[in-house]
Amino acid sequence: MAVELDPQLMDILACPTDDHAPLRTGTPADPDADVLTCTSCGRSYPVRDGIPVLLIDEAVLPASSPDGAGEDG
């Protein structure tokens, strides 16, 4: 099920990392995922019971990125 949040809320939500980039619903691989994804770093934040959990410790790093973030080795 796709995340459905108020458009005004989506306008003000931002990634809690230092760059504070906007968030989009879903992921590039799964636009219907119950997550918000950062448009800059690619971290995905869960949405539980309609509430975005914007904690860096709860974020899922992208599988791969140009700067190597998200790779374990």
N, C-alpha and C. Protein backbone atom coordinates (compact mmCIF):
# COMPACT_ATOMS: atom_id res chain seq x y z
N MET A 1 0.84 -1.18 0.00
CA MET A 1 0.00 0.00 0.00
C MET A 1 0.88 1.24 0.00
N ALA A 2 0.57 2.19 -0.82
CA ALA A 2 1.36 3.40 -0.94
C ALA A 2 1.09 4.34 0.24
N VAL A 3 2.11 5.09 0.61
CA VAL A 3 1.99 6.08 1.68
C VAL A 3 1.10 7.22 1.19
N GLU A 4 0.15 7.60 2.02
CA GLU A 4 -0.70 8.74 1.70
C GLU A 4 -0.61 9.75 2.83
N LEU A 5 0.17 10.82 2.60
CA LEU A 5 0.32 11.87 3.58
C LEU A 5 -0.18 13.17 2.99
N ASP A 6 -0.61 14.07 3.85
CA ASP A 6 -1.09 15.37 3.43
C ASP A 6 -0.01 16.07 2.57
N PRO A 7 -0.40 16.61 1.41
CA PRO A 7 0.59 17.29 0.55
C PRO A 7 1.31 18.43 1.25
N GLN A 8 0.63 19.14 2.15
CA GLN A 8 1.30 20.22 2.88
C GLN A 8 2.37 19.67 3.81
N LEU A 9 2.11 18.52 4.41
CA LEU A 9 3.10 17.87 5.26
C LEU A 9 4.31 17.44 4.42
N MET A 10 4.04 16.85 3.27
CA MET A 10 5.14 16.42 2.39
C MET A 10 6.01 17.61 1.96
N ASP A 11 5.41 18.78 1.82
CA ASP A 11 6.17 19.98 1.44
C ASP A 11 7.18 20.40 2.50
N ILE A 12 6.89 20.08 3.77
CA ILE A 12 7.80 20.54 4.82
C ILE A 12 8.69 19.43 5.38
N LEU A 13 8.36 18.17 5.12
CA LEU A 13 9.20 17.08 5.60
C LEU A 13 10.54 17.08 4.86
N ALA A 14 11.60 16.77 5.59
CA ALA A 14 12.93 16.70 4.99
C ALA A 14 13.73 15.61 5.68
N CYS A 15 14.72 15.12 4.98
CA CYS A 15 15.62 14.11 5.53
C CYS A 15 16.33 14.70 6.76
N PRO A 16 16.44 13.93 7.85
CA PRO A 16 17.09 14.45 9.04
C PRO A 16 18.62 14.49 8.98
N THR A 17 19.20 14.07 7.85
CA THR A 17 20.65 14.17 7.72
C THR A 17 21.04 15.62 7.51
N ASP A 18 22.32 15.89 7.47
CA ASP A 18 22.82 17.27 7.37
C ASP A 18 22.37 18.02 6.12
N ASP A 19 22.06 17.31 5.03
CA ASP A 19 21.67 18.02 3.80
C ASP A 19 20.20 18.45 3.79
N HIS A 20 19.36 17.84 4.65
CA HIS A 20 17.93 18.20 4.78
C HIS A 20 17.20 18.23 3.44
N ALA A 21 17.45 17.25 2.60
CA ALA A 21 16.81 17.19 1.29
C ALA A 21 15.35 16.77 1.42
N PRO A 22 14.53 17.12 0.42
CA PRO A 22 13.12 16.70 0.44
C PRO A 22 12.98 15.19 0.37
N LEU A 23 11.82 14.71 0.77
CA LEU A 23 11.51 13.29 0.75
C LEU A 23 10.43 13.01 -0.29
N ARG A 24 10.44 11.79 -0.83
CA ARG A 24 9.38 11.36 -1.75
C ARG A 24 8.82 10.04 -1.22
N THR A 25 7.61 9.73 -1.61
CA THR A 25 6.99 8.49 -1.14
C THR A 25 7.53 7.30 -1.93
N GLY A 26 7.60 6.16 -1.27
CA GLY A 26 8.07 4.94 -1.92
C GLY A 26 9.57 4.95 -2.15
N THR A 27 10.01 3.98 -2.94
CA THR A 27 11.41 3.88 -3.34
C THR A 27 11.46 3.82 -4.85
N PRO A 28 12.63 4.05 -5.45
CA PRO A 28 12.71 3.91 -6.92
C PRO A 28 12.31 2.51 -7.39
N ALA A 29 12.65 1.48 -6.62
CA ALA A 29 12.32 0.11 -7.01
C ALA A 29 10.87 -0.25 -6.71
N ASP A 30 10.29 0.38 -5.68
CA ASP A 30 8.92 0.06 -5.28
C ASP A 30 8.19 1.35 -4.88
N PRO A 31 7.56 2.01 -5.84
CA PRO A 31 6.87 3.28 -5.56
C PRO A 31 5.72 3.13 -4.57
N ASP A 32 5.25 1.91 -4.32
CA ASP A 32 4.14 1.69 -3.38
C ASP A 32 4.62 1.28 -1.99
N ALA A 33 5.91 1.29 -1.75
CA ALA A 33 6.43 0.91 -0.43
C ALA A 33 6.00 1.93 0.62
N ASP A 34 5.81 1.45 1.85
CA ASP A 34 5.42 2.32 2.97
C ASP A 34 6.64 2.98 3.59
N VAL A 35 7.33 3.77 2.79
CA VAL A 35 8.51 4.49 3.23
C VAL A 35 8.55 5.86 2.58
N LEU A 36 9.36 6.73 3.16
CA LEU A 36 9.71 8.01 2.54
C LEU A 36 11.18 7.94 2.21
N THR A 37 11.56 8.32 1.00
CA THR A 37 12.94 8.20 0.55
C THR A 37 13.53 9.58 0.30
N CYS A 38 14.75 9.80 0.79
CA CYS A 38 15.44 11.06 0.59
C CYS A 38 15.84 11.22 -0.87
N THR A 39 15.59 12.39 -1.41
CA THR A 39 15.92 12.65 -2.81
C THR A 39 17.41 12.90 -3.02
N SER A 40 18.17 13.03 -1.92
CA SER A 40 19.60 13.26 -2.04
C SER A 40 20.42 12.02 -1.67
N CYS A 41 20.30 11.56 -0.42
CA CYS A 41 21.14 10.46 0.04
C CYS A 41 20.52 9.08 -0.24
N GLY A 42 19.22 9.02 -0.51
CA GLY A 42 18.57 7.76 -0.83
C GLY A 42 18.13 6.93 0.36
N ARG A 43 18.36 7.43 1.59
CA ARG A 43 17.89 6.69 2.76
C ARG A 43 16.37 6.58 2.71
N SER A 44 15.84 5.44 3.17
CA SER A 44 14.40 5.22 3.23
C SER A 44 13.97 5.16 4.69
N TYR A 45 12.96 5.95 5.01
CA TYR A 45 12.44 6.03 6.38
C TYR A 45 11.07 5.38 6.41
N PRO A 46 10.83 4.49 7.39
CA PRO A 46 9.54 3.80 7.44
C PRO A 46 8.39 4.74 7.81
N VAL A 47 7.20 4.37 7.35
CA VAL A 47 5.97 5.04 7.76
C VAL A 47 5.15 3.97 8.45
N ARG A 48 4.92 4.16 9.75
CA ARG A 48 4.19 3.17 10.55
C ARG A 48 2.87 3.76 11.02
N ASP A 49 1.79 3.11 10.68
CA ASP A 49 0.45 3.57 11.05
C ASP A 49 0.22 5.02 10.61
N GLY A 50 0.75 5.37 9.43
CA GLY A 50 0.56 6.71 8.88
C GLY A 50 1.48 7.77 9.45
N ILE A 51 2.45 7.36 10.30
CA ILE A 51 3.36 8.31 10.92
C ILE A 51 4.78 8.07 10.41
N PRO A 52 5.39 9.09 9.76
CA PRO A 52 6.78 8.94 9.30
C PRO A 52 7.73 8.84 10.49
N VAL A 53 8.63 7.86 10.44
CA VAL A 53 9.63 7.68 11.49
C VAL A 53 10.94 8.24 10.92
N LEU A 54 11.18 9.52 11.17
CA LEU A 54 12.34 10.19 10.58
C LEU A 54 13.53 10.18 11.54
N LEU A 55 13.96 8.98 11.88
CA LEU A 55 15.12 8.77 12.73
C LEU A 55 16.22 8.12 11.89
N ILE A 56 17.40 8.70 11.92
CA ILE A 56 18.49 8.16 11.11
C ILE A 56 18.77 6.71 11.47
N ASP A 57 18.64 6.36 12.75
CA ASP A 57 18.87 4.97 13.19
C ASP A 57 17.84 4.00 12.61
N GLU A 58 16.69 4.47 12.21
CA GLU A 58 15.63 3.63 11.63
C GLU A 58 15.71 3.57 10.10
N ALA A 59 16.54 4.41 9.50
CA ALA A 59 16.63 4.51 8.05
C ALA A 59 17.31 3.28 7.45
N VAL A 60 16.91 2.98 6.23
CA VAL A 60 17.54 1.91 5.45
C VAL A 60 18.36 2.59 4.36
N LEU A 61 19.66 2.27 4.32
CA LEU A 61 20.53 2.85 3.30
C LEU A 61 20.23 2.23 1.94
N PRO A 62 20.46 3.00 0.88
CA PRO A 62 20.25 2.44 -0.46
C PRO A 62 21.22 1.28 -0.70
N ALA A 63 20.83 0.36 -1.56
CA ALA A 63 21.66 -0.82 -1.85
C ALA A 63 23.03 -0.42 -2.37
N SER A 64 23.07 0.59 -3.21
CA SER A 64 24.34 1.09 -3.71
C SER A 64 24.16 2.54 -4.11
N SER A 65 25.24 3.29 -3.96
CA SER A 65 25.20 4.69 -4.34
C SER A 65 26.56 5.08 -4.85
N PRO A 66 26.66 6.19 -5.60
CA PRO A 66 27.93 6.59 -6.21
C PRO A 66 29.05 6.81 -5.21
N ASP A 67 28.73 7.28 -3.97
CA ASP A 67 29.78 7.55 -2.99
C ASP A 67 30.11 6.35 -2.11
N GLY A 68 29.44 5.22 -2.36
CA GLY A 68 29.74 4.01 -1.63
C GLY A 68 28.94 3.83 -0.36
N ALA A 69 28.09 4.80 -0.02
CA ALA A 69 27.25 4.67 1.17
C ALA A 69 26.34 3.47 1.03
N GLY A 70 26.19 2.75 2.09
CA GLY A 70 25.31 1.60 2.06
C GLY A 70 26.01 0.29 1.72
N GLU A 71 27.28 0.36 1.39
CA GLU A 71 28.04 -0.85 1.09
C GLU A 71 28.85 -1.24 2.31
N ASP A 72 28.81 -2.49 2.68
CA ASP A 72 29.49 -2.94 3.87
C ASP A 72 30.95 -3.34 3.68
N GLY A 73 31.39 -3.40 2.47
CA GLY A 73 32.75 -3.85 2.42
C GLY A 73 33.38 -3.69 1.15
